[in-house]
């Protein structure tokens, strides 16, 4: 990933990961989509997502940064904060 990215670019990367790695339906991936109740991801999936994001953004993701995440928009905001810090 580039050193700075727009939220739209970050959201697209995350959507790509969710589709490729977790076989999520792209039509269901909206900013307010709940990762756990609507996409049926579990805590192991969340860890896998964080690991995959770390590979993409080449930065360490702190578990505390992702503890309160529930929606796709929450993930975008957390990654944006890391990438554009």
Protein backbone atom coordinates (compact mmCIF):
# COMPACT_ATOMS: atom_id res chain seq x y z
CA UNK A 1 0.00 0.00 0.00
CA UNK A 2 1.08 3.56 -0.57
CA UNK A 3 2.20 5.65 2.36
CA UNK A 4 -1.04 7.66 2.20
CA UNK A 5 -4.39 6.46 0.95
CA UNK A 6 -7.89 7.80 0.76
CA UNK A 7 -10.63 6.17 2.76
CA UNK A 8 -12.18 4.99 -0.51
CA UNK A 9 -8.93 3.23 -1.49
CA UNK A 10 -8.65 1.65 1.96
CA UNK A 11 -12.27 0.52 1.85
CA UNK A 12 -11.73 -1.12 -1.54
CA UNK A 13 -8.64 -3.00 -0.26
CA UNK A 14 -10.59 -4.24 2.76
CA UNK A 15 -13.52 -5.29 0.57
CA UNK A 16 -11.12 -7.19 -1.69
CA UNK A 17 -9.70 -9.04 1.33
CA UNK A 18 -13.19 -9.87 2.62
CA UNK A 19 -14.24 -11.23 -0.78
CA UNK A 20 -11.02 -13.13 -1.53
CA UNK A 21 -10.13 -14.45 1.92
CA UNK A 22 -13.51 -14.79 3.61
CA UNK A 23 -15.76 -15.40 0.58
CA UNK A 24 -18.05 -12.50 1.50
CA UNK A 25 -20.66 -11.39 -1.02
CA UNK A 26 -19.48 -8.04 -2.44
CA UNK A 27 -23.09 -6.83 -2.61
CA UNK A 28 -23.32 -7.07 1.19
CA UNK A 29 -20.20 -4.98 1.85
CA UNK A 30 -21.44 -1.53 2.82
CA UNK A 31 -19.81 0.96 5.18
CA UNK A 32 -22.27 0.13 7.97
CA UNK A 33 -22.18 -3.67 7.44
CA UNK A 34 -21.55 -5.42 10.75
CA UNK A 35 -18.68 -7.87 10.28
CA UNK A 36 -19.92 -10.27 12.92
CA UNK A 37 -23.72 -10.27 12.72
CA UNK A 38 -24.13 -9.65 8.98
CA UNK A 39 -21.04 -11.36 7.53
CA UNK A 40 -20.78 -14.11 10.15
CA UNK A 41 -17.11 -13.46 10.87
CA UNK A 42 -15.87 -14.74 14.22
CA UNK A 43 -12.97 -13.73 16.44
CA UNK A 44 -10.54 -15.98 14.54
CA UNK A 45 -11.62 -14.36 11.27
CA UNK A 46 -11.06 -10.94 12.86
CA UNK A 47 -7.50 -11.92 13.79
CA UNK A 48 -6.92 -13.22 10.25
CA UNK A 49 -8.24 -9.93 8.86
CA UNK A 50 -5.85 -7.94 11.06
CA UNK A 51 -2.90 -10.10 9.97
CA UNK A 52 -3.85 -9.65 6.31
CA UNK A 53 -4.20 -5.89 6.78
CA UNK A 54 -0.77 -5.73 8.42
CA UNK A 55 0.70 -7.39 5.33
CA UNK A 56 -1.09 -4.91 3.06
CA UNK A 57 -0.23 -1.72 4.92
CA UNK A 58 3.21 -2.81 6.15
CA UNK A 59 2.49 -1.46 9.64
CA UNK A 60 1.88 -3.16 12.95
CA UNK A 61 -1.75 -3.17 13.94
CA UNK A 62 -2.29 -2.91 17.67
CA UNK A 63 -5.01 -5.26 18.96
CA UNK A 64 -6.52 -2.38 20.97
CA UNK A 65 -7.06 -0.46 17.71
CA UNK A 66 -9.34 -3.24 16.51
CA UNK A 67 -11.06 -4.28 19.74
CA UNK A 68 -14.04 -1.94 19.27
CA UNK A 69 -14.47 -2.55 15.56
CA UNK A 70 -17.86 -3.81 14.47
CA UNK A 71 -18.49 -2.46 10.96
CA UNK A 72 -16.62 -2.17 7.69
CA UNK A 73 -16.52 1.59 8.27
CA UNK A 74 -14.82 1.02 11.64
CA UNK A 75 -12.09 -1.01 9.91
CA UNK A 76 -11.60 1.71 7.30
CA UNK A 77 -11.26 4.39 10.00
CA UNK A 78 -8.74 2.34 12.01
CA UNK A 79 -6.61 1.50 8.96
CA UNK A 80 -6.80 5.10 7.72
CA UNK A 81 -5.49 6.30 11.07
CA UNK A 82 -2.52 3.90 10.82
CA UNK A 83 -1.71 4.51 7.16
CA UNK A 84 -2.10 8.27 7.22
CA UNK A 85 -0.50 8.90 10.61
